[in-house]
Amino acid sequence: MQFGMRFRRQDAADKVNDRFWHEIEGMPLDKVRQIQEERLRDQMAYLKANSTFYQEKFAEAGVDFDDIRTIEDLQKLPFTYKTEIRESLAAEPPFGKHRAAPMADIVQMQASSGTTGSPSYVAMTESDTEMWHEMTARCFFANGVRPGDMVLHAFALAKGFVGGIPVMQGLQYMGAVDVPVGADGGAERLLRACADTRPRCIVGAPNFVLHLAEKAPEVLGCKASELGVEHVIVGGEPGGGIPAIRAKIEEAWGAKCCEMLGGTDLGVTYWAECDAQSGMHMVNMDYIITELLDPESGKIIPWEKGAEGEMIYTALGRQASPVVRFRSGDYIEVIDTECTCGRTGPKIRCTGRTDDMLIVRGANVFPSAVNSVVTEMVPDTNGVMRIVADFTGHTTQGALTVIVERGPDRDPADDAALKKKIEQRLRDALVFKADVHLVAPDTFEKPGAAKVAFVLREYPDLP
């Protein structure tokens, strides 16, 4: 069996009528486990030889790399937290102390939304990039994309996140044709490209593809359901697995809607929903070991129907930016462990986050990152701000309301110019749209170390 192999277009075309993109997707779990544990031992040997970050981390925990032989052995190891990755990046920029491949071998980088104003940079070797493409291809294939399909790209292309260029690369790898307009090209350009190219599939954030459908009559003079789209593939925010939102998408486009889930730390996407539309399968079990953590007890729990917990990831075969027992922050429910499609990976729905991350029109935004930008703007600001998250859950398709204390020496008459300046700085640094409201100094108590103090669910005095 070969992993991470480079495909030619004809190789991909031969898969059009296959049941799976790769045989691992339908493999019995006992054989999957054998592959995972063999690759786990290889990954531990690689880290032992190449990762200063994990050498120090394991030594502090009193565990030797050679002690990790099975999936259960992973529980001997400490978790890796996003804060540790951020500290690693700050200690040895640009790719951090956890970079485990020579700089001469790095061929691509990816930037994700950081928990402070600086993005989190991820390095990739040639082997890593092929792994990303392979994982992405498996997900899109499960979602209904086939080699030769035209795929309208409705995630943002200019945000430097995994929904941009890496999605395009994954589609090209599997022999599909990416229509590279992107959400940042605007609804009108996307819809006109859709009418011109008649793509079989669309990929984008659920609320944005709904917005496109609503704009179609105004822009094109026809319903979105008349454009010939057969598959709408959504991700980047909750919604695709919510029955009411899925039903709206399917009615608006006259197409089947499936969702996917991933993240920059391990790849573009690694969970994908099949035609059964009853939860997202893990289709990359040879590249990732996933544990399910009960956040209350701190114990790893079995993958059983109805189980709920936070997903913990360990990368397999990763060279440049490997992670071990990485806490994803994604809280999920196990929908089932069997499926009519024949895939053996468990099926899940993501039901929320275990941290304070917000999703603003598909962009991940940490309140601490907003605070970092506002603090950098002293003395224009007082370094104090609050986010008004007056929406359900963690996701909004509107601008994020940010209340900022102006600096003590700033004239309120200049608020319009300062508002514009802060909004532009937030857009440039964190790639999201803010609606800034300025208030007097000392309106709020200083938040100290309590991260939840950055977020309000309502604020009565906004116009």
Protein backbone atom coordinates (compact mmCIF):
# COMPACT_ATOMS: atom_id res chain seq x y z
CA MET A 1 0.00 0.00 0.00
CA GLN A 2 1.30 3.46 -0.90
CA PHE A 3 0.58 6.60 1.05
CA GLY A 4 0.99 10.22 -0.06
CA MET A 5 1.59 9.24 -3.70
CA ARG A 6 1.54 11.90 -6.41
CA PHE A 7 -1.35 11.53 -8.84
CA ARG A 8 -1.42 12.28 -12.52
CA ARG A 9 -4.74 13.41 -13.97
CA GLN A 10 -5.36 9.99 -15.54
CA ASP A 11 -4.67 8.29 -12.20
CA ALA A 12 -7.39 10.44 -10.66
CA ALA A 13 -9.79 9.94 -13.57
CA ASP A 14 -9.61 6.18 -13.03
CA LYS A 15 -11.20 6.70 -9.61
CA VAL A 16 -14.44 8.27 -10.90
CA ASN A 17 -16.47 5.13 -10.37
CA ASP A 18 -14.63 3.85 -7.31
CA ARG A 19 -16.44 3.50 -4.00
CA PHE A 20 -13.71 5.30 -2.05
CA TRP A 21 -10.76 7.49 -2.98
CA HIS A 22 -8.47 5.24 -0.91
CA GLU A 23 -8.96 1.72 0.42
CA ILE A 24 -8.18 2.79 4.01
CA GLU A 25 -11.64 4.41 4.15
CA GLY A 26 -13.45 1.06 4.10
CA MET A 27 -10.80 -1.06 5.77
CA PRO A 28 -11.69 -3.16 8.86
CA LEU A 29 -10.72 -1.27 11.97
CA ASP A 30 -8.35 -3.96 13.23
CA LYS A 31 -6.26 -3.53 10.07
CA VAL A 32 -6.54 0.26 10.36
CA ARG A 33 -5.20 0.01 13.89
CA GLN A 34 -2.19 -2.02 12.71
CA ILE A 35 -1.36 0.67 10.15
CA GLN A 36 -1.84 3.46 12.68
CA GLU A 37 0.39 1.86 15.29
CA GLU A 38 3.13 1.08 12.79
CA ARG A 39 3.06 4.69 11.61
CA LEU A 40 2.86 5.93 15.20
CA ARG A 41 6.11 4.14 16.04
CA ASP A 42 7.71 5.62 12.92
CA GLN A 43 6.49 9.10 13.91
CA MET A 44 7.88 8.72 17.43
CA ALA A 45 11.27 7.69 16.00
CA TYR A 46 11.21 10.70 13.70
CA LEU A 47 10.38 13.09 16.56
CA LYS A 48 13.04 11.52 18.77
CA ALA A 49 15.62 12.32 16.11
CA ASN A 50 14.32 15.69 14.90
CA SER A 51 12.01 17.55 17.31
CA THR A 52 13.59 19.62 20.07
CA PHE A 53 10.09 20.70 21.11
CA TYR A 54 8.86 17.15 21.78
CA GLN A 55 12.21 15.96 23.11
CA GLU A 56 11.90 18.55 25.89
CA LYS A 57 8.18 18.01 26.38
CA PHE A 58 8.46 14.23 26.71
CA ALA A 59 11.49 14.50 29.00
CA GLU A 60 9.55 16.81 31.30
CA ALA A 61 6.71 14.28 31.38
CA GLY A 62 9.15 11.46 32.11
CA VAL A 63 8.20 9.46 29.00
CA ASP A 64 10.55 8.01 26.40
CA PHE A 65 9.66 8.01 22.72
CA ASP A 66 10.34 4.27 22.61
CA ASP A 67 7.59 3.73 25.21
CA ILE A 68 4.91 4.79 22.72
CA ARG A 69 4.05 1.63 20.80
CA THR A 70 0.25 1.51 20.76
CA ILE A 71 -2.67 3.91 20.59
CA GLU A 72 -3.31 3.36 24.32
CA ASP A 73 0.30 4.35 25.03
CA LEU A 74 -0.52 7.87 23.82
CA GLN A 75 -2.32 8.41 27.13
CA LYS A 76 1.10 8.41 28.82
CA LEU A 77 1.86 11.67 27.00
CA PRO A 78 0.81 15.22 27.88
CA PHE A 79 -1.49 17.21 25.60
CA THR A 80 -0.20 19.84 23.21
CA TYR A 81 -2.11 23.13 23.56
CA LYS A 82 -2.57 25.98 21.12
CA THR A 83 -0.87 28.26 23.64
CA GLU A 84 2.24 26.08 23.51
CA ILE A 85 2.32 26.30 19.73
CA ARG A 86 1.99 30.08 19.96
CA GLU A 87 4.85 30.28 22.47
CA SER A 88 6.93 28.00 20.25
CA LEU A 89 6.35 30.29 17.25
CA ALA A 90 7.34 33.34 19.27
CA ALA A 91 10.49 31.65 20.55
CA GLU A 92 11.83 30.63 17.14
CA PRO A 93 10.05 32.43 14.29
CA PRO A 94 8.74 31.90 11.72
CA PHE A 95 7.82 28.22 12.20
CA GLY A 96 8.53 27.69 15.87
CA LYS A 97 10.59 25.44 18.06
CA HIS A 98 8.30 22.57 17.03
CA ARG A 99 9.59 22.68 13.43
CA ALA A 100 11.11 19.23 12.93
CA ALA A 101 12.48 19.48 9.39
CA PRO A 102 15.40 21.53 8.04
CA MET A 103 14.51 24.92 6.59
CA ALA A 104 16.03 23.75 3.30
CA ASP A 105 13.25 21.13 3.06
CA ILE A 106 10.36 23.57 3.58
CA VAL A 107 8.49 24.12 0.32
CA GLN A 108 5.23 25.72 1.48
CA MET A 109 3.80 27.56 4.43
CA GLN A 110 0.28 28.18 5.64
CA ALA A 111 -1.01 30.82 8.01
CA SER A 112 -3.92 30.24 10.36
CA SER A 113 -5.76 32.61 12.66
CA GLY A 114 -3.65 33.07 15.77
CA THR A 115 -4.83 33.58 19.32
CA THR A 116 -2.90 36.86 19.32
CA GLY A 117 -2.47 39.41 16.54
CA SER A 118 0.19 37.34 14.77
CA PRO A 119 -0.93 34.45 12.55
CA SER A 120 0.13 30.91 13.36
CA TYR A 121 2.52 29.80 10.63
CA VAL A 122 2.63 26.14 9.60
CA ALA A 123 5.56 24.74 7.60
CA MET A 124 5.34 21.90 5.08
CA THR A 125 7.87 19.73 3.29
CA GLU A 126 7.11 18.24 -0.12
CA SER A 127 5.94 15.06 1.60
CA ASP A 128 3.68 17.10 3.90
CA THR A 129 2.06 18.95 0.99
CA GLU A 130 1.30 15.69 -0.79
CA MET A 131 -0.24 14.42 2.43
CA TRP A 132 -2.44 17.52 2.63
CA HIS A 133 -3.55 17.03 -0.99
CA GLU A 134 -4.32 13.37 -0.40
CA MET A 135 -6.36 14.06 2.74
CA THR A 136 -8.28 16.82 0.97
CA ALA A 137 -8.99 14.61 -2.05
CA ARG A 138 -10.45 11.87 0.13
CA CYS A 139 -12.78 14.34 1.80
CA PHE A 140 -14.00 15.96 -1.39
CA PHE A 141 -14.49 12.54 -2.98
CA ALA A 142 -16.66 11.46 -0.02
CA ASN A 143 -18.54 14.77 -0.33
CA GLY A 144 -19.40 14.00 -3.96
CA VAL A 145 -16.69 15.75 -6.01
CA ARG A 146 -15.32 13.65 -8.86
CA PRO A 147 -12.25 14.04 -11.12
CA GLY A 148 -13.16 16.29 -14.03
CA ASP A 149 -15.77 18.26 -12.08
CA MET A 150 -15.86 22.05 -12.19
CA VAL A 151 -15.93 23.32 -8.59
CA LEU A 152 -16.89 26.91 -7.75
CA HIS A 153 -14.53 28.12 -5.00
CA ALA A 154 -16.67 30.15 -2.57
CA PHE A 155 -14.26 30.18 0.37
CA ALA A 156 -12.05 33.24 0.54
CA LEU A 157 -8.86 32.94 -1.49
CA ALA A 158 -7.01 35.94 -0.06
CA LYS A 159 -7.29 35.14 3.64
CA GLY A 160 -4.26 32.85 3.79
CA PHE A 161 -6.29 30.13 5.47
CA VAL A 162 -6.85 26.51 4.51
CA GLY A 163 -10.07 27.26 2.65
CA GLY A 164 -8.06 29.22 0.07
CA ILE A 165 -5.06 27.98 -1.92
CA PRO A 166 -4.83 24.58 -0.15
CA VAL A 167 -8.40 23.76 -1.21
CA MET A 168 -7.48 24.69 -4.78
CA GLN A 169 -4.39 22.47 -4.61
CA GLY A 170 -6.40 19.54 -3.25
CA LEU A 171 -8.99 19.85 -6.00
CA GLN A 172 -6.31 20.03 -8.68
CA TYR A 173 -4.58 16.99 -7.16
CA MET A 174 -7.76 14.94 -7.49
CA GLY A 175 -8.29 16.01 -11.09
CA ALA A 176 -11.12 18.50 -10.49
CA VAL A 177 -11.12 22.04 -11.91
CA ASP A 178 -11.21 24.83 -9.34
CA VAL A 179 -13.11 27.95 -10.43
CA PRO A 180 -10.94 30.40 -8.44
CA VAL A 181 -13.14 33.41 -7.73
CA GLY A 182 -13.35 33.13 -3.93
CA ALA A 183 -15.69 34.78 -1.46
CA ASP A 184 -13.43 37.84 -1.43
CA GLY A 185 -14.30 38.30 -5.13
CA GLY A 186 -17.82 39.19 -4.09
CA ALA A 187 -21.21 37.57 -4.57
CA GLU A 188 -21.80 39.07 -8.00
CA ARG A 189 -18.54 37.76 -9.50
CA LEU A 190 -19.12 34.32 -7.97
CA LEU A 191 -22.63 34.08 -9.33
CA ARG A 192 -21.59 35.22 -12.79
CA ALA A 193 -18.78 32.65 -12.78
CA CYS A 194 -21.34 30.06 -11.71
CA ALA A 195 -23.59 30.98 -14.63
CA ASP A 196 -20.65 30.97 -17.06
CA THR A 197 -18.97 27.71 -16.02
CA ARG A 198 -21.99 25.72 -14.75
CA PRO A 199 -19.99 23.92 -12.03
CA ARG A 200 -21.21 20.59 -10.74
CA CYS A 201 -20.09 21.48 -7.20
CA ILE A 202 -19.70 24.51 -4.92
CA VAL A 203 -17.48 24.67 -1.82
CA GLY A 204 -17.92 27.40 0.80
CA ALA A 205 -19.21 28.38 4.23
CA PRO A 206 -22.87 27.39 4.74
CA ASN A 207 -24.25 30.83 5.44
CA PHE A 208 -22.33 32.33 2.53
CA VAL A 209 -23.59 29.82 0.00
CA LEU A 210 -27.11 30.59 1.25
CA HIS A 211 -26.38 34.28 0.70
CA LEU A 212 -25.26 33.52 -2.85
CA ALA A 213 -28.51 31.71 -3.54
CA GLU A 214 -30.52 34.63 -2.19
CA LYS A 215 -28.63 37.06 -4.46
CA ALA A 216 -28.97 34.93 -7.62
CA PRO A 217 -32.34 36.36 -8.81
CA GLU A 218 -31.06 39.92 -8.39
CA VAL A 219 -27.70 39.30 -10.11
CA LEU A 220 -28.60 36.69 -12.72
CA GLY A 221 -32.36 36.95 -13.09
CA CYS A 222 -32.82 33.28 -12.21
CA LYS A 223 -32.93 31.05 -9.16
CA ALA A 224 -29.74 29.37 -7.95
CA SER A 225 -31.49 26.04 -8.43
CA GLU A 226 -31.50 26.69 -12.18
CA LEU A 227 -27.66 26.82 -12.42
CA GLY A 228 -27.09 23.08 -12.57
CA VAL A 229 -25.20 22.63 -9.29
CA GLU A 230 -25.51 19.09 -7.92
CA HIS A 231 -23.37 19.19 -4.76
CA VAL A 232 -22.90 21.99 -2.23
CA ILE A 233 -19.99 21.23 0.12
CA VAL A 234 -19.76 23.36 3.24
CA GLY A 235 -17.33 23.84 6.10
CA GLY A 236 -15.42 26.48 8.05
CA GLU A 237 -18.30 27.08 10.46
CA PRO A 238 -21.22 25.16 11.98
CA GLY A 239 -24.37 24.98 9.88
CA GLY A 240 -24.00 22.22 7.33
CA GLY A 241 -25.03 19.63 9.89
CA ILE A 242 -27.99 21.63 11.24
CA PRO A 243 -31.11 20.21 9.56
CA ALA A 244 -32.86 23.56 9.07
CA ILE A 245 -29.83 25.21 7.46
CA ARG A 246 -29.07 22.15 5.33
CA ALA A 247 -32.68 22.09 4.11
CA LYS A 248 -32.49 25.76 3.12
CA ILE A 249 -29.25 25.21 1.21
CA GLU A 250 -30.60 22.18 -0.62
CA GLU A 251 -33.87 23.89 -1.53
CA ALA A 252 -32.13 27.08 -2.67
CA TRP A 253 -29.59 25.29 -4.89
CA GLY A 254 -31.61 22.21 -5.82
CA ALA A 255 -28.55 20.21 -4.78
CA LYS A 256 -27.31 17.79 -2.13
CA CYS A 257 -25.45 19.45 0.77
CA CYS A 258 -22.64 17.69 2.66
CA GLU A 259 -20.21 19.10 5.22
CA MET A 260 -16.54 18.67 6.06
CA LEU A 261 -14.27 19.55 8.99
CA GLY A 262 -10.55 20.14 9.40
CA GLY A 263 -8.03 22.74 10.53
CA THR A 264 -4.63 24.18 9.71
CA ASP A 265 -2.69 22.31 12.37
CA LEU A 266 -3.08 18.95 10.62
CA GLY A 267 -4.33 19.68 7.12
CA VAL A 268 -7.14 21.23 5.14
CA THR A 269 -9.92 18.81 5.95
CA TYR A 270 -9.94 15.29 7.37
CA TRP A 271 -13.60 14.63 8.22
CA ALA A 272 -16.17 14.40 5.42
CA GLU A 273 -19.82 13.51 5.02
CA CYS A 274 -20.87 10.92 2.45
CA ASP A 275 -24.10 10.69 0.44
CA ALA A 276 -25.89 9.23 3.47
CA GLN A 277 -25.67 12.75 5.01
CA SER A 278 -25.69 11.34 8.52
CA GLY A 279 -22.42 12.65 9.93
CA MET A 280 -18.81 13.24 8.90
CA HIS A 281 -16.48 10.24 8.56
CA MET A 282 -12.83 10.25 9.53
CA VAL A 283 -11.40 9.28 6.14
CA ASN A 284 -7.72 9.87 6.97
CA MET A 285 -7.04 7.32 9.68
CA ASP A 286 -3.59 6.53 8.26
CA TYR A 287 -2.53 10.17 8.67
CA ILE A 288 -4.17 11.05 11.99
CA ILE A 289 -4.94 9.24 15.24
CA THR A 290 -7.98 10.81 16.89
CA GLU A 291 -8.76 10.35 20.58
CA LEU A 292 -12.01 11.45 22.22
CA LEU A 293 -11.58 13.34 25.47
CA ASP A 294 -14.26 13.85 28.09
CA PRO A 295 -13.37 17.43 29.17
CA GLU A 296 -15.06 17.03 32.57
CA SER A 297 -13.34 13.82 33.68
CA GLY A 298 -10.17 14.32 31.64
CA LYS A 299 -10.39 10.72 30.49
CA ILE A 300 -10.23 9.25 26.98
CA ILE A 301 -13.55 7.61 26.11
CA PRO A 302 -14.47 5.01 23.45
CA TRP A 303 -15.78 5.90 20.00
CA GLU A 304 -19.33 4.76 20.61
CA LYS A 305 -22.63 5.99 19.23
CA GLY A 306 -23.85 8.89 21.37
CA ALA A 307 -20.46 9.64 22.95
CA GLU A 308 -19.50 13.32 23.23
CA GLY A 309 -16.14 14.97 23.78
CA GLU A 310 -13.24 17.03 22.47
CA MET A 311 -11.14 15.62 19.64
CA ILE A 312 -7.42 15.09 20.32
CA TYR A 313 -5.16 14.67 17.28
CA THR A 314 -1.78 13.03 16.73
CA ALA A 315 -0.23 13.47 13.29
CA LEU A 316 1.26 10.46 11.50
CA GLY A 317 3.95 10.79 8.83
CA ARG A 318 4.25 14.54 9.36
CA GLN A 319 7.69 16.11 8.98
CA ALA A 320 7.79 19.92 9.27
CA SER A 321 5.13 20.86 11.87
CA PRO A 322 4.07 17.65 13.63
CA VAL A 323 1.72 17.69 16.60
CA VAL A 324 1.16 15.02 19.25
CA ARG A 325 -2.03 14.82 21.32
CA PHE A 326 -3.11 18.24 20.06
CA ARG A 327 -6.25 19.60 21.71
CA SER A 328 -8.39 20.73 18.80
CA GLY A 329 -11.06 22.62 20.76
CA ASP A 330 -13.74 20.95 18.60
CA TYR A 331 -16.50 19.41 20.71
CA ILE A 332 -18.31 16.63 18.86
CA GLU A 333 -21.01 14.00 19.14
CA VAL A 334 -20.49 10.52 17.69
CA ILE A 335 -23.48 9.97 15.42
CA ASP A 336 -22.67 6.36 14.54
CA THR A 337 -19.86 3.88 14.00
CA GLU A 338 -21.36 2.22 10.91
CA CYS A 339 -22.63 3.54 7.58
CA THR A 340 -24.37 2.27 4.48
CA CYS A 341 -21.54 3.74 2.37
CA GLY A 342 -19.10 1.18 3.79
CA ARG A 343 -16.67 3.64 5.36
CA THR A 344 -15.43 2.38 8.70
CA GLY A 345 -14.33 5.66 10.29
CA PRO A 346 -16.74 6.97 12.96
CA LYS A 347 -19.35 9.57 11.98
CA ILE A 348 -19.54 12.81 13.93
CA ARG A 349 -21.19 16.21 14.16
CA CYS A 350 -19.27 19.17 15.59
CA THR A 351 -21.54 20.76 18.18
CA GLY A 352 -19.34 23.55 19.53
CA ARG A 353 -15.99 24.71 20.86
CA THR A 354 -14.27 24.17 24.19
CA ASP A 355 -12.48 27.54 23.91
CA ASP A 356 -13.60 31.14 23.25
CA MET A 357 -12.91 31.19 19.51
CA LEU A 358 -15.52 32.95 17.37
CA ILE A 359 -16.11 32.37 13.65
CA VAL A 360 -16.81 35.58 11.70
CA ARG A 361 -17.85 34.91 8.11
CA GLY A 362 -15.62 31.84 8.01
CA ALA A 363 -12.59 33.45 9.73
CA ASN A 364 -11.48 32.18 13.15
CA VAL A 365 -11.23 35.08 15.61
CA PHE A 366 -9.90 34.82 19.14
CA PRO A 367 -10.98 37.62 21.53
CA SER A 368 -7.42 37.70 22.89
CA ALA A 369 -6.17 38.45 19.37
CA VAL A 370 -8.58 41.39 19.05
CA ASN A 371 -7.40 42.65 22.42
CA SER A 372 -3.78 42.37 21.28
CA VAL A 373 -4.44 44.59 18.26
CA VAL A 374 -6.35 47.16 20.32
CA THR A 375 -3.55 47.24 22.91
CA GLU A 376 -1.00 47.90 20.16
CA MET A 377 -2.96 51.04 19.25
CA VAL A 378 -2.33 52.84 22.55
CA PRO A 379 -2.48 55.88 22.94
CA ASP A 380 -5.21 56.08 20.27
CA THR A 381 -7.03 53.53 22.42
CA ASN A 382 -6.96 52.82 26.11
CA GLY A 383 -5.99 49.22 25.39
CA VAL A 384 -9.37 47.96 26.62
CA MET A 385 -12.12 46.46 24.48
CA ARG A 386 -15.15 44.18 24.57
CA ILE A 387 -16.69 42.03 21.85
CA VAL A 388 -20.48 41.90 21.70
CA ALA A 389 -21.33 38.35 20.66
CA ASP A 390 -25.07 38.98 20.33
CA PHE A 391 -25.64 35.88 18.21
CA THR A 392 -26.30 32.22 18.88
CA GLY A 393 -23.28 29.97 19.35
CA HIS A 394 -19.81 30.88 18.07
CA THR A 395 -20.65 31.96 14.51
CA THR A 396 -21.82 35.13 12.78
CA GLN A 397 -22.14 36.13 9.14
CA GLY A 398 -22.25 39.82 10.04
CA ALA A 399 -19.58 42.22 11.19
CA LEU A 400 -18.34 41.53 14.71
CA THR A 401 -19.24 44.35 17.08
CA VAL A 402 -16.18 45.56 19.02
CA ILE A 403 -16.44 48.25 21.70
CA VAL A 404 -13.13 50.06 22.24
CA GLU A 405 -12.17 52.59 24.87
CA ARG A 406 -10.59 55.63 23.22
CA GLY A 407 -7.32 56.94 24.66
CA PRO A 408 -7.70 59.43 27.53
CA ASP A 409 -6.24 62.27 25.44
CA ARG A 410 -8.34 61.57 22.33
CA ASP A 411 -11.12 63.97 21.34
CA PRO A 412 -14.50 62.24 20.85
CA ALA A 413 -14.96 64.52 17.84
CA ASP A 414 -12.30 62.40 16.08
CA ASP A 415 -14.14 59.13 16.69
CA ALA A 416 -15.15 58.61 13.05
CA ALA A 417 -11.53 58.62 11.88
CA LEU A 418 -10.37 56.45 14.80
CA LYS A 419 -13.19 53.98 14.20
CA LYS A 420 -12.10 53.59 10.59
CA LYS A 421 -8.46 53.20 11.63
CA ILE A 422 -9.21 50.45 14.16
CA GLU A 423 -11.50 48.58 11.77
CA GLN A 424 -8.82 48.62 9.08
CA ARG A 425 -6.15 47.44 11.51
CA LEU A 426 -8.34 44.54 12.64
CA ARG A 427 -9.09 43.61 9.04
CA ASP A 428 -5.39 43.72 8.12
CA ALA A 429 -4.18 41.78 11.18
CA LEU A 430 -6.96 39.24 11.73
CA VAL A 431 -8.82 39.23 8.41
CA PHE A 432 -12.33 39.85 9.67
CA LYS A 433 -14.81 42.72 9.43
CA ALA A 434 -15.39 44.65 12.65
CA ASP A 435 -18.00 47.25 13.54
CA VAL A 436 -16.13 49.39 16.08
CA HIS A 437 -17.90 51.56 18.63
CA LEU A 438 -15.80 53.97 20.69
CA VAL A 439 -16.55 54.69 24.33
CA ALA A 440 -14.97 56.77 27.10
CA PRO A 441 -11.87 55.60 28.98
CA ASP A 442 -12.57 53.44 32.04
CA THR A 443 -15.96 52.33 30.76
CA PHE A 444 -14.95 48.74 31.52
CA GLU A 445 -12.96 47.14 34.28
CA LYS A 446 -9.57 45.86 33.23
CA PRO A 447 -10.01 42.18 32.24
CA GLY A 448 -6.84 40.83 33.81
CA ALA A 449 -6.25 37.19 32.96
CA ALA A 450 -9.93 36.23 32.60
CA LYS A 451 -10.31 35.66 28.88
CA VAL A 452 -14.11 35.46 29.11
CA ALA A 453 -14.13 39.09 30.22
CA PHE A 454 -13.44 40.09 26.62
CA VAL A 455 -16.87 38.89 25.45
CA LEU A 456 -20.33 40.27 26.21
CA ARG A 457 -23.56 38.66 25.02
CA GLU A 458 -25.34 42.03 24.95
CA TYR A 459 -24.58 45.71 25.43
CA PRO A 460 -27.56 48.03 25.96
CA ASP A 461 -26.10 51.36 24.85
CA LEU A 462 -25.19 50.62 21.23
CA PRO A 463 -27.10 52.60 18.58
